[in-house]
Protein backbone atom coordinates (compact mmCIF):
# COMPACT_ATOMS: atom_id res chain seq x y z
CA UNK A 1 5.34 3.65 7.09
CA UNK A 2 4.18 1.85 10.16
CA UNK A 3 2.69 3.32 13.34
CA UNK A 4 2.30 1.83 16.80
CA UNK A 5 -0.67 2.09 19.11
CA UNK A 6 0.06 3.30 22.66
CA UNK A 7 -0.22 0.51 25.25
CA UNK A 8 -0.48 1.31 28.93
CA UNK A 9 2.37 -0.02 31.11
CA UNK A 10 1.54 1.69 34.41
CA UNK A 11 2.57 -0.15 37.59
CA UNK A 12 1.24 0.27 41.13
CA UNK A 13 4.36 2.29 42.05
CA UNK A 14 3.78 4.92 39.31
CA UNK A 15 2.16 8.28 40.14
CA UNK A 16 0.83 8.77 36.61
CA UNK A 17 -0.02 6.54 33.67
CA UNK A 18 2.91 5.39 31.52
CA UNK A 19 2.83 4.06 27.97
CA UNK A 20 4.91 2.01 25.56
CA UNK A 21 4.47 1.36 21.84
CA UNK A 22 2.51 -1.71 20.77
CA UNK A 23 3.14 -3.75 17.65
CA UNK A 24 3.50 -1.55 14.57
CA UNK A 25 0.60 -1.55 12.13
CA UNK A 26 0.39 -0.15 8.64
CA UNK A 27 -2.43 2.00 7.38
CA UNK A 28 -5.06 0.67 5.02
CA UNK A 29 -4.11 1.10 1.37
CA UNK A 30 -6.48 1.73 -1.53
CA UNK A 31 -5.32 1.40 -5.13
CA UNK A 32 -7.39 2.99 -7.88
CA UNK A 33 -7.00 2.60 -11.61
CA UNK A 34 -8.69 3.08 -14.94
CA UNK A 35 -10.38 -0.17 -15.94
CA UNK A 36 -9.35 -1.52 -19.34
CA UNK A 37 -10.98 -4.82 -20.28
CA UNK A 38 -8.42 -5.33 -23.10
CA UNK A 39 -5.31 -4.96 -20.90
CA UNK A 40 -4.01 -8.49 -20.19
CA UNK A 41 -1.55 -7.33 -17.50
CA UNK A 42 -4.32 -5.45 -15.68
CA UNK A 43 -6.61 -8.48 -15.86
CA UNK A 44 -3.85 -10.66 -14.35
CA UNK A 45 -3.44 -8.10 -11.53
CA UNK A 46 -7.20 -7.94 -10.86
CA UNK A 47 -7.45 -11.75 -10.92
CA UNK A 48 -4.68 -11.90 -8.28
CA UNK A 49 -6.55 -9.29 -6.20
CA UNK A 50 -9.79 -11.27 -6.53
CA UNK A 51 -7.92 -14.42 -5.40
CA UNK A 52 -6.53 -12.44 -2.39
CA UNK A 53 -2.94 -13.18 -3.46
CA UNK A 54 -0.28 -11.23 -1.51
CA UNK A 55 2.09 -9.27 -3.77
CA UNK A 56 5.10 -6.98 -3.65
CA UNK A 57 4.19 -3.37 -4.51
CA UNK A 58 6.85 -1.00 -5.84
CA UNK A 59 6.24 2.74 -5.62
CA UNK A 60 8.40 5.23 -7.52
CA UNK A 61 8.16 8.72 -6.07
CA UNK A 62 7.97 11.68 -8.46
CA UNK A 63 11.12 13.32 -7.11
CA UNK A 64 14.07 14.32 -9.27
CA UNK A 65 15.52 11.26 -10.99
CA UNK A 66 18.99 10.11 -10.03
CA UNK A 67 21.67 10.16 -12.74
CA UNK A 68 20.76 7.35 -15.10
CA UNK A 69 17.70 6.23 -13.11
CA UNK A 70 14.20 6.96 -11.85
CA UNK A 71 13.23 8.75 -8.66
CA UNK A 72 13.27 7.21 -5.19
CA UNK A 73 11.62 3.79 -4.97
CA UNK A 74 10.09 1.84 -2.10
CA UNK A 75 8.61 -1.63 -1.98
CA UNK A 76 6.40 -3.46 0.50
CA UNK A 77 4.16 -6.51 0.71
CA UNK A 78 0.54 -5.69 -0.11
CA UNK A 79 -2.40 -7.91 0.84
CA UNK A 80 -5.33 -7.15 -1.46
CA UNK A 81 -8.79 -7.63 0.01
CA UNK A 82 -10.58 -8.08 -3.33
CA UNK A 83 -11.44 -5.50 -5.99
CA UNK A 84 -14.46 -3.41 -6.95
CA UNK A 85 -15.57 -1.77 -10.16
CA UNK A 86 -16.59 1.78 -9.30
CA UNK A 87 -20.02 3.12 -10.18
CA UNK A 88 -19.74 4.41 -13.77
CA UNK A 89 -20.56 8.03 -14.58
CA UNK A 90 -20.96 9.81 -17.91
CA UNK A 91 -18.07 12.19 -17.12
CA UNK A 92 -15.39 9.69 -16.08
CA UNK A 93 -13.64 6.54 -17.20
CA UNK A 94 -14.68 3.24 -15.68
CA UNK A 95 -12.46 2.89 -12.62
CA UNK A 96 -11.55 0.02 -10.27
CA UNK A 97 -10.64 0.10 -6.57
CA UNK A 98 -8.49 -2.43 -4.71
CA UNK A 99 -8.71 -2.18 -0.91
CA UNK A 100 -5.91 -3.81 1.06
CA UNK A 101 -3.34 -3.75 3.84
CA UNK A 102 0.38 -3.13 3.83
CA UNK A 103 2.04 -6.15 5.50
CA UNK A 104 5.67 -4.99 5.74
CA UNK A 105 7.59 -1.82 6.42
CA UNK A 106 8.44 0.03 3.16
CA UNK A 107 12.03 -0.65 2.08
CA UNK A 108 13.94 1.85 -0.05
CA UNK A 109 15.26 0.16 -3.20
CA UNK A 110 17.68 1.23 -5.89
CA UNK A 111 16.34 3.38 -8.74
CA UNK A 112 15.65 1.71 -12.07
CA UNK A 113 17.93 2.63 -14.97
CA UNK A 114 16.19 4.43 -17.79
């Protein structure tokens, strides 16, 4: 979701400070994934992130599926700010991280038929 920062709106006639909401802002988003050099779809996604291309993200929540469909879904515009390959370790898969910002309020969409 989006949150607003408190902005002071006190006037000279007020006896205490008063506030109003400012423009809503979304939290920073970080996407992590397992890097697979042979996955063409993943490479296309990472190329778009590297080119700073805005994209629509769809998130399916792991709640109980609706009859004939997946769980609750939301979508929002995501602005990637590049991508990083995480430091490899002997115990884990090679992972990538995509930092970014959410540019729109999440909108609930219809479930996908399965």
